[in-house]
Amino acid sequence: MKIIEICLSKERVPGEIEILLEEDYLELTKTRFMWPYIRKVASINNDFIPDFSSDETILSKRDILDLLHEFFRNGTTKEIYDLFCKIYRENKKNIHFLDSPELNFTDETIYLEYFRKTYIQVFKRYSFEDLNTFAHEFGHSIQFNVNFHNSLFRDLNVYVEIISIFFELICNEYFVKGKFTRPAIITSYSTLDEHLENAKNLENEFILLNVISIAKHENRLQLRSNIDTLVENLSKDDISSIMYLKPGRDYIYVFAFLVATNLFMIYKMDRYKAFYLVNKIINLSGELSCEEYFHELEKLELLDANKTQDYKNFIHNRSRKLK
């Protein structure tokens, strides 16, 4: 009873924070070569906070699917639009738009390679954002239908969100002009703010992971000992913050945002060049190691945090004009 009382006073299950740090260390240090790029994104100052009133746009599933067809027809290329139509036509019974009473439900795209079938599940947020979510999930389905390999969910999982976030960004951009100007601008700002905030949370976790770092000759027992020492020196508020934010889960999204914003800025200048690069990424070999895949992105010159800074300025300038 005394142990239970102590645990309740700390408002956590014993071992929770230790397990989280150990799992994040083992997973995130595999791609430590990506950390400097995420730090550069974290250094971008989101120095404009708009005073937007709430967006009350509500779209039905039929509205969303009609608008998605419009976006893919007019905002992408003929090849991408034809592929989108093929995926939709062959899988429309597998596209589900569900109520989401719980915040922890996630949107999902599942591709069954053997049957060449795509399943998409999106939970309603009751806002314009639902449209971008569908664009995001169809981005996954396009990538999987063109060049599916299981390594995207294993060794290369840190890259699986790049194409989907790019489609999300350009779909939102397409609807800035027209009757959805206001919700599109609001959504673009909230998306930017979320990714930049997540990058800053990750940078803070990198500091903790460096503190508990072990040498190559040391084992997990030493790692756990380092974690215990760190946790003993963390305040209750520090622990609660880490457990609430769980920065490691945003790792793949922040890196994908870096690449996607590079593609977005190219898209604004030259749509066909952007989709040429998208096609190059989609068709990268699934046999590449994680570091080899990273170097392919380097060769395509899509890891420039200055382009993410340019994207931030672009979104801010437009947001300032919204009344």
C-alpha atoms as a PDB file:
ATOM      1  CA  MET A   1       0.000   0.000   0.000  1.00  0.00           C
ATOM      2  CA  LYS A   2       2.899   2.307   0.733  1.00  0.00           C
ATOM      3  CA  ILE A   3       4.304   1.747  -2.780  1.00  0.00           C
ATOM      4  CA  ILE A   4       0.880   2.430  -4.331  1.00  0.00           C
ATOM      5  CA  GLU A   5       0.584   5.610  -2.277  1.00  0.00           C
ATOM      6  CA  ILE A   6       3.999   6.815  -3.453  1.00  0.00           C
ATOM      7  CA  CYS A   7       3.168   6.042  -7.079  1.00  0.00           C
ATOM      8  CA  LEU A   8      -0.150   7.861  -6.906  1.00  0.00           C
ATOM      9  CA  SER A   9       1.553  10.870  -5.350  1.00  0.00           C
ATOM     10  CA  LYS A  10       3.856  10.993  -8.364  1.00  0.00           C
ATOM     11  CA  GLU A  11       0.883  10.543 -10.729  1.00  0.00           C
ATOM     12  CA  ARG A  12       2.615   7.913 -12.825  1.00  0.00           C
ATOM     13  CA  VAL A  13       3.102   4.193 -13.057  1.00  0.00           C
ATOM     14  CA  PRO A  14       6.613   3.213 -11.897  1.00  0.00           C
ATOM     15  CA  GLY A  15       8.771   2.618 -14.937  1.00  0.00           C
ATOM     16  CA  GLU A  16       6.617   4.563 -17.419  1.00  0.00           C
ATOM     17  CA  ILE A  17       9.075   7.399 -17.989  1.00  0.00           C
ATOM     18  CA  GLU A  18      12.001   4.956 -17.905  1.00  0.00           C
ATOM     19  CA  ILE A  19      10.392   2.749 -20.549  1.00  0.00           C
ATOM     20  CA  LEU A  20       9.582   5.741 -22.760  1.00  0.00           C
ATOM     21  CA  LEU A  21      13.142   7.077 -22.615  1.00  0.00           C
ATOM     22  CA  GLU A  22      14.658   3.654 -23.254  1.00  0.00           C
ATOM     23  CA  GLU A  23      12.392   2.997 -26.248  1.00  0.00           C
ATOM     24  CA  ASP A  24      12.998   6.462 -27.701  1.00  0.00           C
ATOM     25  CA  TYR A  25      16.750   6.154 -27.199  1.00  0.00           C
ATOM     26  CA  LEU A  26      16.935   2.789 -28.936  1.00  0.00           C
ATOM     27  CA  GLU A  27      14.741   3.942 -31.816  1.00  0.00           C
ATOM     28  CA  LEU A  28      15.814   7.541 -32.409  1.00  0.00           C
ATOM     29  CA  THR A  29      19.553   7.019 -32.086  1.00  0.00           C
ATOM     30  CA  LYS A  30      19.431   4.663 -35.080  1.00  0.00           C
ATOM     31  CA  THR A  31      19.016   7.794 -37.219  1.00  0.00           C
ATOM     32  CA  ARG A  32      21.093  10.253 -35.220  1.00  0.00           C
ATOM     33  CA  PHE A  33      22.336  11.611 -38.564  1.00  0.00           C
ATOM     34  CA  MET A  34      18.884  13.205 -38.954  1.00  0.00           C
ATOM     35  CA  TRP A  35      19.016  15.111 -35.666  1.00  0.00           C
ATOM     36  CA  PRO A  36      20.891  18.202 -36.968  1.00  0.00           C
ATOM     37  CA  TYR A  37      18.196  18.695 -39.614  1.00  0.00           C
ATOM     38  CA  ILE A  38      15.396  18.430 -37.069  1.00  0.00           C
ATOM     39  CA  ARG A  39      17.265  20.895 -34.845  1.00  0.00           C
ATOM     40  CA  LYS A  40      17.328  23.355 -37.738  1.00  0.00           C
ATOM     41  CA  VAL A  41      13.554  23.057 -38.044  1.00  0.00           C
ATOM     42  CA  ALA A  42      13.279  23.533 -34.268  1.00  0.00           C
ATOM     43  CA  SER A  43      15.273  26.776 -34.549  1.00  0.00           C
ATOM     44  CA  ILE A  44      12.598  28.339 -36.785  1.00  0.00           C
ATOM     45  CA  ASN A  45      10.782  30.919 -34.698  1.00  0.00           C
ATOM     46  CA  ASN A  46       7.004  30.855 -35.058  1.00  0.00           C
ATOM     47  CA  ASP A  47       6.862  34.523 -34.136  1.00  0.00           C
ATOM     48  CA  PHE A  48       3.336  35.334 -35.289  1.00  0.00           C
ATOM     49  CA  ILE A  49       0.254  34.271 -33.358  1.00  0.00           C
ATOM     50  CA  PRO A  50      -2.930  35.151 -35.274  1.00  0.00           C
ATOM     51  CA  ASP A  51      -6.220  35.940 -33.652  1.00  0.00           C
ATOM     52  CA  PHE A  52      -8.398  33.709 -35.823  1.00  0.00           C
ATOM     53  CA  SER A  53     -11.998  33.108 -34.982  1.00  0.00           C
ATOM     54  CA  SER A  54     -13.019  29.455 -35.114  1.00  0.00           C
ATOM     55  CA  ASP A  55     -13.637  27.766 -38.453  1.00  0.00           C
ATOM     56  CA  GLU A  56     -17.172  26.409 -38.679  1.00  0.00           C
ATOM     57  CA  THR A  57     -16.821  24.660 -42.047  1.00  0.00           C
ATOM     58  CA  ILE A  58     -18.378  21.185 -41.951  1.00  0.00           C
ATOM     59  CA  LEU A  59     -18.064  18.883 -44.938  1.00  0.00           C
ATOM     60  CA  SER A  60     -19.899  15.626 -45.575  1.00  0.00           C
ATOM     61  CA  LYS A  61     -18.086  12.589 -46.916  1.00  0.00           C
ATOM     62  CA  ARG A  62     -19.665  13.272 -50.321  1.00  0.00           C
ATOM     63  CA  ASP A  63     -18.434  16.893 -50.212  1.00  0.00           C
ATOM     64  CA  ILE A  64     -14.928  15.754 -49.334  1.00  0.00           C
ATOM     65  CA  LEU A  65     -14.723  13.126 -52.059  1.00  0.00           C
ATOM     66  CA  ASP A  66     -16.015  15.605 -54.672  1.00  0.00           C
ATOM     67  CA  LEU A  67     -13.472  18.204 -53.538  1.00  0.00           C
ATOM     68  CA  LEU A  68     -10.687  15.601 -53.520  1.00  0.00           C
ATOM     69  CA  HIS A  69     -11.449  14.746 -57.127  1.00  0.00           C
ATOM     70  CA  GLU A  70     -11.322  18.447 -57.965  1.00  0.00           C
ATOM     71  CA  PHE A  71      -7.973  18.872 -56.204  1.00  0.00           C
ATOM     72  CA  PHE A  72      -6.331  15.841 -57.808  1.00  0.00           C
ATOM     73  CA  ARG A  73      -7.696  16.821 -61.224  1.00  0.00           C
ATOM     74  CA  ASN A  74      -6.608  20.471 -61.121  1.00  0.00           C
ATOM     75  CA  GLY A  75      -3.850  20.601 -58.498  1.00  0.00           C
ATOM     76  CA  THR A  76      -1.635  17.665 -59.444  1.00  0.00           C
ATOM     77  CA  THR A  77      -0.614  16.077 -62.760  1.00  0.00           C
ATOM     78  CA  LYS A  78      -2.581  13.920 -65.188  1.00  0.00           C
ATOM     79  CA  GLU A  79      -0.592  10.847 -64.142  1.00  0.00           C
ATOM     80  CA  ILE A  80      -1.324  11.428 -60.462  1.00  0.00           C
ATOM     81  CA  TYR A  81      -4.981  12.211 -61.137  1.00  0.00           C
ATOM     82  CA  ASP A  82      -5.421   9.061 -63.213  1.00  0.00           C
ATOM     83  CA  LEU A  83      -3.825   6.988 -60.447  1.00  0.00           C
ATOM     84  CA  PHE A  84      -6.029   8.632 -57.817  1.00  0.00           C
ATOM     85  CA  CYS A  85      -9.136   7.821 -59.878  1.00  0.00           C
ATOM     86  CA  LYS A  86      -8.002   4.219 -60.321  1.00  0.00           C
ATOM     87  CA  ILE A  87      -7.407   3.785 -56.587  1.00  0.00           C
ATOM     88  CA  TYR A  88     -10.729   5.398 -55.752  1.00  0.00           C
ATOM     89  CA  ARG A  89     -12.676   3.419 -58.339  1.00  0.00           C
ATOM     90  CA  GLU A  90     -11.229   0.072 -57.246  1.00  0.00           C
ATOM     91  CA  ASN A  91     -11.417   0.711 -53.489  1.00  0.00           C
ATOM     92  CA  LYS A  92     -14.334   3.089 -52.873  1.00  0.00           C
ATOM     93  CA  LYS A  93     -16.124   0.513 -50.704  1.00  0.00           C
ATOM     94  CA  ASN A  94     -13.045   0.466 -48.490  1.00  0.00           C
ATOM     95  CA  ILE A  95     -13.030   4.211 -47.744  1.00  0.00           C
ATOM     96  CA  HIS A  96     -14.545   4.886 -44.318  1.00  0.00           C
ATOM     97  CA  PHE A  97     -15.379   8.223 -42.702  1.00  0.00           C
ATOM     98  CA  LEU A  98     -16.183   7.619 -39.033  1.00  0.00           C
ATOM     99  CA  ASP A  99     -17.247   9.640 -36.028  1.00  0.00           C
ATOM    100  CA  SER A 100     -14.388  10.201 -33.602  1.00  0.00           C
ATOM    101  CA  PRO A 101     -15.679  10.673 -30.054  1.00  0.00           C
ATOM    102  CA  GLU A 102     -12.212   9.818 -28.703  1.00  0.00           C
ATOM    103  CA  LEU A 103      -9.175  11.979 -29.445  1.00  0.00           C
ATOM    104  CA  ASN A 104      -6.795   9.019 -29.518  1.00  0.00           C
ATOM    105  CA  PHE A 105      -8.229   7.451 -32.667  1.00  0.00           C
ATOM    106  CA  THR A 106      -5.872   7.690 -35.623  1.00  0.00           C
ATOM    107  CA  ASP A 107      -6.456   7.919 -39.348  1.00  0.00           C
ATOM    108  CA  GLU A 108      -5.072   4.958 -41.248  1.00  0.00           C
ATOM    109  CA  THR A 109      -4.232   3.707 -44.721  1.00  0.00           C
ATOM    110  CA  ILE A 110      -3.659  -0.014 -45.107  1.00  0.00           C
ATOM    111  CA  TYR A 111      -2.416  -1.571 -48.331  1.00  0.00           C
ATOM    112  CA  LEU A 112      -2.720  -5.324 -48.888  1.00  0.00           C
ATOM    113  CA  GLU A 113      -0.053  -6.069 -51.464  1.00  0.00           C
ATOM    114  CA  TYR A 114      -1.253  -9.573 -52.318  1.00  0.00           C
ATOM    115  CA  PHE A 115      -4.770  -8.378 -53.177  1.00  0.00           C
ATOM    116  CA  ARG A 116      -3.631  -4.905 -54.340  1.00  0.00           C
ATOM    117  CA  LYS A 117      -6.344  -3.426 -52.151  1.00  0.00           C
ATOM    118  CA  THR A 118      -6.298  -0.134 -50.262  1.00  0.00           C
ATOM    119  CA  TYR A 119      -8.261   0.575 -47.074  1.00  0.00           C
ATOM    120  CA  ILE A 120      -8.620   4.124 -45.817  1.00  0.00           C
ATOM    121  CA  GLN A 121     -10.111   5.097 -42.475  1.00  0.00           C
ATOM    122  CA  VAL A 122     -10.555   8.739 -41.456  1.00  0.00           C
ATOM    123  CA  PHE A 123     -12.166   9.988 -38.262  1.00  0.00           C
ATOM    124  CA  LYS A 124     -14.272  13.135 -38.450  1.00  0.00           C
ATOM    125  CA  ARG A 125     -12.871  16.280 -36.856  1.00  0.00           C
ATOM    126  CA  TYR A 126     -15.887  18.225 -38.123  1.00  0.00           C
ATOM    127  CA  SER A 127     -13.768  20.855 -39.831  1.00  0.00           C
ATOM    128  CA  PHE A 128     -12.102  21.713 -43.132  1.00  0.00           C
ATOM    129  CA  GLU A 129      -9.138  19.730 -41.831  1.00  0.00           C
ATOM    130  CA  ASP A 130     -11.024  16.530 -42.707  1.00  0.00           C
ATOM    131  CA  LEU A 131     -10.378  17.279 -46.388  1.00  0.00           C
ATOM    132  CA  ASN A 132      -6.631  17.576 -45.841  1.00  0.00           C
ATOM    133  CA  THR A 133      -6.659  14.366 -43.821  1.00  0.00           C
ATOM    134  CA  PHE A 134      -8.164  12.497 -46.775  1.00  0.00           C
ATOM    135  CA  ALA A 135      -5.553  14.045 -49.091  1.00  0.00           C
ATOM    136  CA  HIS A 136      -2.866  12.859 -46.657  1.00  0.00           C
ATOM    137  CA  GLU A 137      -4.212   9.297 -46.623  1.00  0.00           C
ATOM    138  CA  PHE A 138      -4.560   9.205 -50.406  1.00  0.00           C
ATOM    139  CA  GLY A 139      -0.932  10.336 -50.557  1.00  0.00           C
ATOM    140  CA  HIS A 140      -0.065   7.132 -48.717  1.00  0.00           C
ATOM    141  CA  SER A 141      -2.251   5.067 -51.038  1.00  0.00           C
ATOM    142  CA  ILE A 142      -0.605   6.550 -54.142  1.00  0.00           C
ATOM    143  CA  GLN A 143       2.870   5.766 -52.822  1.00  0.00           C
ATOM    144  CA  PHE A 144       1.910   2.210 -51.840  1.00  0.00           C
ATOM    145  CA  ASN A 145       0.192   1.492 -55.160  1.00  0.00           C
ATOM    146  CA  VAL A 146       3.218   2.679 -57.148  1.00  0.00           C
ATOM    147  CA  ASN A 147       6.049   1.092 -55.177  1.00  0.00           C
ATOM    148  CA  PHE A 148       5.069  -0.752 -52.024  1.00  0.00           C
ATOM    149  CA  HIS A 149       7.736  -2.351 -49.881  1.00  0.00           C
ATOM    150  CA  ASN A 150       7.438  -3.575 -46.308  1.00  0.00           C
ATOM    151  CA  SER A 151      10.623  -1.798 -45.285  1.00  0.00           C
ATOM    152  CA  LEU A 152       8.598   1.443 -45.157  1.00  0.00           C
ATOM    153  CA  PHE A 153       7.145   0.025 -41.954  1.00  0.00           C
ATOM    154  CA  ARG A 154      10.421  -1.327 -40.632  1.00  0.00           C
ATOM    155  CA  ASP A 155      13.896   0.045 -41.371  1.00  0.00           C
ATOM    156  CA  LEU A 156      12.633   2.920 -43.545  1.00  0.00           C
ATOM    157  CA  ASN A 157       9.633   3.898 -41.406  1.00  0.00           C
ATOM    158  CA  VAL A 158      11.124   7.343 -40.712  1.00  0.00           C
ATOM    159  CA  TYR A 159      10.380   8.248 -44.347  1.00  0.00           C
ATOM    160  CA  VAL A 160       6.833   6.924 -44.699  1.00  0.00           C
ATOM    161  CA  GLU A 161       5.107  10.284 -44.051  1.00  0.00           C
ATOM    162  CA  ILE A 162       6.980  12.436 -46.596  1.00  0.00           C
ATOM    163  CA  ILE A 163       4.699  11.957 -49.604  1.00  0.00           C
ATOM    164  CA  SER A 164       1.478  12.045 -47.572  1.00  0.00           C
ATOM    165  CA  ILE A 165       2.358  15.339 -45.867  1.00  0.00           C
ATOM    166  CA  PHE A 166       3.281  16.857 -49.227  1.00  0.00           C
ATOM    167  CA  PHE A 167      -0.170  15.983 -50.607  1.00  0.00           C
ATOM    168  CA  GLU A 168      -1.760  17.386 -47.458  1.00  0.00           C
ATOM    169  CA  LEU A 169       0.070  20.719 -47.877  1.00  0.00           C
ATOM    170  CA  ILE A 170      -0.683  21.175 -51.567  1.00  0.00           C
ATOM    171  CA  CYS A 171      -4.328  20.135 -51.158  1.00  0.00           C
ATOM    172  CA  ASN A 172      -4.783  22.834 -48.548  1.00  0.00           C
ATOM    173  CA  GLU A 173      -2.989  25.294 -50.822  1.00  0.00           C
ATOM    174  CA  TYR A 174      -5.286  24.471 -53.730  1.00  0.00           C
ATOM    175  CA  PHE A 175      -8.348  25.536 -51.740  1.00  0.00           C
ATOM    176  CA  VAL A 176      -6.916  28.869 -50.566  1.00  0.00           C
ATOM    177  CA  LYS A 177      -8.466  30.407 -53.666  1.00  0.00           C
ATOM    178  CA  GLY A 178     -12.228  30.144 -53.769  1.00  0.00           C
ATOM    179  CA  LYS A 179     -14.946  29.730 -51.171  1.00  0.00           C
ATOM    180  CA  PHE A 180     -12.663  27.891 -48.732  1.00  0.00           C
ATOM    181  CA  THR A 181     -10.067  30.665 -48.415  1.00  0.00           C
ATOM    182  CA  ARG A 182     -10.615  31.261 -44.714  1.00  0.00           C
ATOM    183  CA  PRO A 183     -10.570  27.638 -43.464  1.00  0.00           C
ATOM    184  CA  ALA A 184      -7.630  26.825 -45.756  1.00  0.00           C
ATOM    185  CA  ILE A 185      -5.527  29.690 -44.352  1.00  0.00           C
ATOM    186  CA  ILE A 186      -6.456  28.773 -40.773  1.00  0.00           C
ATOM    187  CA  THR A 187      -5.605  25.120 -41.363  1.00  0.00           C
ATOM    188  CA  SER A 188      -2.273  25.922 -43.030  1.00  0.00           C
ATOM    189  CA  TYR A 189      -1.257  27.995 -40.013  1.00  0.00           C
ATOM    190  CA  SER A 190      -2.313  25.348 -37.475  1.00  0.00           C
ATOM    191  CA  THR A 191      -0.405  22.673 -39.423  1.00  0.00           C
ATOM    192  CA  LEU A 192       2.728  24.833 -39.459  1.00  0.00           C
ATOM    193  CA  ASP A 193       2.421  25.649 -35.767  1.00  0.00           C
ATOM    194  CA  GLU A 194       1.977  21.989 -34.814  1.00  0.00           C
ATOM    195  CA  HIS A 195       5.063  20.791 -36.690  1.00  0.00           C
ATOM    196  CA  LEU A 196       7.302  23.598 -35.429  1.00  0.00           C
ATOM    197  CA  GLU A 197       6.170  22.987 -31.858  1.00  0.00           C
ATOM    198  CA  ASN A 198       6.802  19.260 -32.237  1.00  0.00           C
ATOM    199  CA  ALA A 199      10.288  19.998 -33.565  1.00  0.00           C
ATOM    200  CA  LYS A 200      11.077  22.056 -30.456  1.00  0.00           C
ATOM    201  CA  ASN A 201       9.808  19.262 -28.196  1.00  0.00           C
ATOM    202  CA  LEU A 202      12.041  16.815 -30.048  1.00  0.00           C
ATOM    203  CA  GLU A 203      15.067  19.055 -29.638  1.00  0.00           C
ATOM    204  CA  ASN A 204      14.449  19.035 -25.877  1.00  0.00           C
ATOM    205  CA  GLU A 205      14.228  15.240 -25.898  1.00  0.00           C
ATOM    206  CA  PHE A 206      17.498  15.010 -27.851  1.00  0.00           C
ATOM    207  CA  ILE A 207      19.143  16.748 -24.873  1.00  0.00           C
ATOM    208  CA  LEU A 208      17.814  14.055 -22.532  1.00  0.00           C
ATOM    209  CA  LEU A 209      18.847  11.261 -24.897  1.00  0.00           C
ATOM    210  CA  ASN A 210      22.365  12.671 -25.047  1.00  0.00           C
ATOM    211  CA  VAL A 211      22.497  12.700 -21.229  1.00  0.00           C
ATOM    212  CA  ILE A 212      21.639   8.985 -21.032  1.00  0.00           C
ATOM    213  CA  SER A 213      23.800   8.083 -24.030  1.00  0.00           C
ATOM    214  CA  ILE A 214      25.944   4.962 -23.814  1.00  0.00           C
ATOM    215  CA  ALA A 215      29.173   4.042 -25.578  1.00  0.00           C
ATOM    216  CA  LYS A 216      29.275   1.275 -28.168  1.00  0.00           C
ATOM    217  CA  HIS A 217      30.897  -1.144 -25.737  1.00  0.00           C
ATOM    218  CA  GLU A 218      28.222  -0.546 -23.064  1.00  0.00           C
ATOM    219  CA  ASN A 219      24.975  -2.524 -22.873  1.00  0.00           C
ATOM    220  CA  ARG A 220      21.331  -1.840 -22.058  1.00  0.00           C
ATOM    221  CA  LEU A 221      21.942  -2.337 -18.350  1.00  0.00           C
ATOM    222  CA  GLN A 222      24.161   0.741 -18.437  1.00  0.00           C
ATOM    223  CA  LEU A 223      21.521   2.576 -20.458  1.00  0.00           C
ATOM    224  CA  ARG A 224      18.902   1.779 -17.822  1.00  0.00           C
ATOM    225  CA  SER A 225      21.266   2.875 -15.077  1.00  0.00           C
ATOM    226  CA  ASN A 226      21.803   6.200 -16.886  1.00  0.00           C
ATOM    227  CA  ILE A 227      18.036   6.596 -17.260  1.00  0.00           C
ATOM    228  CA  ASP A 228      17.464   5.932 -13.544  1.00  0.00           C
ATOM    229  CA  THR A 229      20.015   8.586 -12.660  1.00  0.00           C
ATOM    230  CA  LEU A 230      18.372  11.089 -15.006  1.00  0.00           C
ATOM    231  CA  VAL A 231      14.845  10.394 -13.746  1.00  0.00           C
ATOM    232  CA  GLU A 232      15.956  10.889 -10.136  1.00  0.00           C
ATOM    233  CA  ASN A 233      16.928  14.431 -11.078  1.00  0.00           C
ATOM    234  CA  LEU A 234      13.795  15.295 -13.064  1.00  0.00           C
ATOM    235  CA  SER A 235      11.004  17.194 -11.386  1.00  0.00           C
ATOM    236  CA  LYS A 236       7.454  15.902 -11.263  1.00  0.00           C
ATOM    237  CA  ASP A 237       6.485  18.584 -13.801  1.00  0.00           C
ATOM    238  CA  ASP A 238       9.310  17.539 -16.148  1.00  0.00           C
ATOM    239  CA  ILE A 239       8.166  13.924 -16.047  1.00  0.00           C
ATOM    240  CA  SER A 240       4.511  14.844 -16.573  1.00  0.00           C
ATOM    241  CA  SER A 241       5.449  17.025 -19.545  1.00  0.00           C
ATOM    242  CA  ILE A 242       7.490  14.282 -21.217  1.00  0.00           C
ATOM    243  CA  MET A 243       4.782  11.677 -20.653  1.00  0.00           C
ATOM    244  CA  TYR A 244       2.121  14.030 -22.022  1.00  0.00           C
ATOM    245  CA  LEU A 245       4.043  15.198 -25.091  1.00  0.00           C
ATOM    246  CA  LYS A 246       5.787  11.895 -25.967  1.00  0.00           C
ATOM    247  CA  PRO A 247       8.017  13.774 -28.464  1.00  0.00           C
ATOM    248  CA  GLY A 248       9.400  10.612 -30.053  1.00  0.00           C
ATOM    249  CA  ARG A 249       6.076   9.796 -31.726  1.00  0.00           C
ATOM    250  CA  ASP A 250       6.378  13.001 -33.791  1.00  0.00           C
ATOM    251  CA  TYR A 251       9.896  12.236 -35.042  1.00  0.00           C
ATOM    252  CA  ILE A 252       8.905  10.879 -38.453  1.00  0.00           C
ATOM    253  CA  TYR A 253       6.373  13.679 -38.986  1.00  0.00           C
ATOM    254  CA  VAL A 254       8.801  16.515 -38.260  1.00  0.00           C
ATOM    255  CA  PHE A 255      11.409  15.108 -40.627  1.00  0.00           C
ATOM    256  CA  ALA A 256       8.718  14.529 -43.260  1.00  0.00           C
ATOM    257  CA  PHE A 257       7.578  18.137 -42.817  1.00  0.00           C
ATOM    258  CA  LEU A 258      11.117  19.319 -43.606  1.00  0.00           C
ATOM    259  CA  VAL A 259      11.162  17.400 -46.897  1.00  0.00           C
ATOM    260  CA  ALA A 260       7.517  18.185 -47.730  1.00  0.00           C
ATOM    261  CA  THR A 261       8.017  21.937 -47.297  1.00  0.00           C
ATOM    262  CA  ASN A 262      11.024  21.768 -49.639  1.00  0.00           C
ATOM    263  CA  LEU A 263       8.780  20.053 -52.190  1.00  0.00           C
ATOM    264  CA  PHE A 264       5.999  22.575 -51.528  1.00  0.00           C
ATOM    265  CA  MET A 265       8.216  25.584 -52.285  1.00  0.00           C
ATOM    266  CA  ILE A 266       9.297  23.901 -55.536  1.00  0.00           C
ATOM    267  CA  TYR A 267       5.636  23.143 -56.313  1.00  0.00           C
ATOM    268  CA  LYS A 268       4.781  26.851 -55.996  1.00  0.00           C
ATOM    269  CA  MET A 269       7.355  27.632 -58.671  1.00  0.00           C
ATOM    270  CA  ASP A 270       7.157  24.550 -60.896  1.00  0.00           C
ATOM    271  CA  ARG A 271       4.465  21.924 -60.321  1.00  0.00           C
ATOM    272  CA  TYR A 272       5.954  19.439 -62.755  1.00  0.00           C
ATOM    273  CA  LYS A 273       9.423  19.603 -61.218  1.00  0.00           C
ATOM    274  CA  ALA A 274       7.881  18.972 -57.806  1.00  0.00           C
ATOM    275  CA  PHE A 275       6.061  15.874 -59.039  1.00  0.00           C
ATOM    276  CA  TYR A 276       9.186  14.705 -60.848  1.00  0.00           C
ATOM    277  CA  LEU A 277      10.898  14.724 -57.444  1.00  0.00           C
ATOM    278  CA  VAL A 278       7.886  13.103 -55.764  1.00  0.00           C
ATOM    279  CA  ASN A 279       8.106  10.298 -58.317  1.00  0.00           C
ATOM    280  CA  LYS A 280      11.835   9.915 -57.643  1.00  0.00           C
ATOM    281  CA  ILE A 281      11.152   9.524 -53.906  1.00  0.00           C
ATOM    282  CA  ILE A 282       8.282   7.093 -54.387  1.00  0.00           C
ATOM    283  CA  ASN A 283      10.430   4.897 -56.618  1.00  0.00           C
ATOM    284  CA  LEU A 284      13.449   4.723 -54.326  1.00  0.00           C
ATOM    285  CA  SER A 285      14.442   1.129 -53.686  1.00  0.00           C
ATOM    286  CA  GLY A 286      13.091  -0.547 -50.593  1.00  0.00           C
ATOM    287  CA  GLU A 287      16.434  -2.357 -50.364  1.00  0.00           C
ATOM    288  CA  LEU A 288      18.239   0.832 -49.359  1.00  0.00           C
ATOM    289  CA  SER A 289      19.451   1.179 -45.807  1.00  0.00           C
ATOM    290  CA  CYS A 290      18.019   4.016 -43.760  1.00  0.00           C
ATOM    291  CA  GLU A 291      21.192   6.063 -44.217  1.00  0.00           C
ATOM    292  CA  GLU A 292      21.365   5.342 -47.954  1.00  0.00           C
ATOM    293  CA  TYR A 293      17.764   6.522 -48.343  1.00  0.00           C
ATOM    294  CA  PHE A 294      18.681   9.691 -46.446  1.00  0.00           C
ATOM    295  CA  HIS A 295      21.583  10.360 -48.801  1.00  0.00           C
ATOM    296  CA  GLU A 296      19.231   9.973 -51.784  1.00  0.00           C
ATOM    297  CA  LEU A 297      17.093  12.770 -50.319  1.00  0.00           C
ATOM    298  CA  GLU A 298      20.275  14.812 -49.893  1.00  0.00           C
ATOM    299  CA  LYS A 299      21.111  14.302 -53.562  1.00  0.00           C
ATOM    300  CA  LEU A 300      17.649  15.579 -54.493  1.00  0.00           C
ATOM    301  CA  GLU A 301      18.412  18.706 -52.397  1.00  0.00           C
ATOM    302  CA  LEU A 302      15.263  18.366 -50.291  1.00  0.00           C
ATOM    303  CA  LEU A 303      16.740  18.796 -46.792  1.00  0.00           C
ATOM    304  CA  ASP A 304      17.138  22.579 -46.740  1.00  0.00           C
ATOM    305  CA  ALA A 305      15.664  24.076 -43.551  1.00  0.00           C
ATOM    306  CA  ASN A 306      15.819  27.501 -45.226  1.00  0.00           C
ATOM    307  CA  LYS A 307      13.003  26.285 -47.469  1.00  0.00           C
ATOM    308  CA  THR A 308      10.985  25.419 -44.362  1.00  0.00           C
ATOM    309  CA  GLN A 309      11.729  28.927 -43.117  1.00  0.00           C
ATOM    310  CA  ASP A 310      10.478  30.277 -46.461  1.00  0.00           C
ATOM    311  CA  TYR A 311       7.330  28.189 -46.061  1.00  0.00           C
ATOM    312  CA  LYS A 312       6.802  29.647 -42.582  1.00  0.00           C
ATOM    313  CA  ASN A 313       7.164  33.199 -43.950  1.00  0.00           C
ATOM    314  CA  PHE A 314       4.767  32.374 -46.779  1.00  0.00           C
ATOM    315  CA  ILE A 315       2.105  31.081 -44.365  1.00  0.00           C
ATOM    316  CA  HIS A 316       2.610  33.968 -41.934  1.00  0.00           C
ATOM    317  CA  ASN A 317       2.355  36.660 -44.601  1.00  0.00           C
ATOM    318  CA  ARG A 318      -0.917  35.234 -45.828  1.00  0.00           C
ATOM    319  CA  SER A 319      -2.285  34.700 -42.320  1.00  0.00           C
ATOM    320  CA  ARG A 320      -1.667  38.347 -41.430  1.00  0.00           C
ATOM    321  CA  LYS A 321      -4.012  39.407 -44.218  1.00  0.00           C
ATOM    322  CA  LEU A 322      -6.902  37.287 -42.962  1.00  0.00           C
ATOM    323  CA  LYS A 323      -9.486  39.317 -41.094  1.00  0.00           C
END
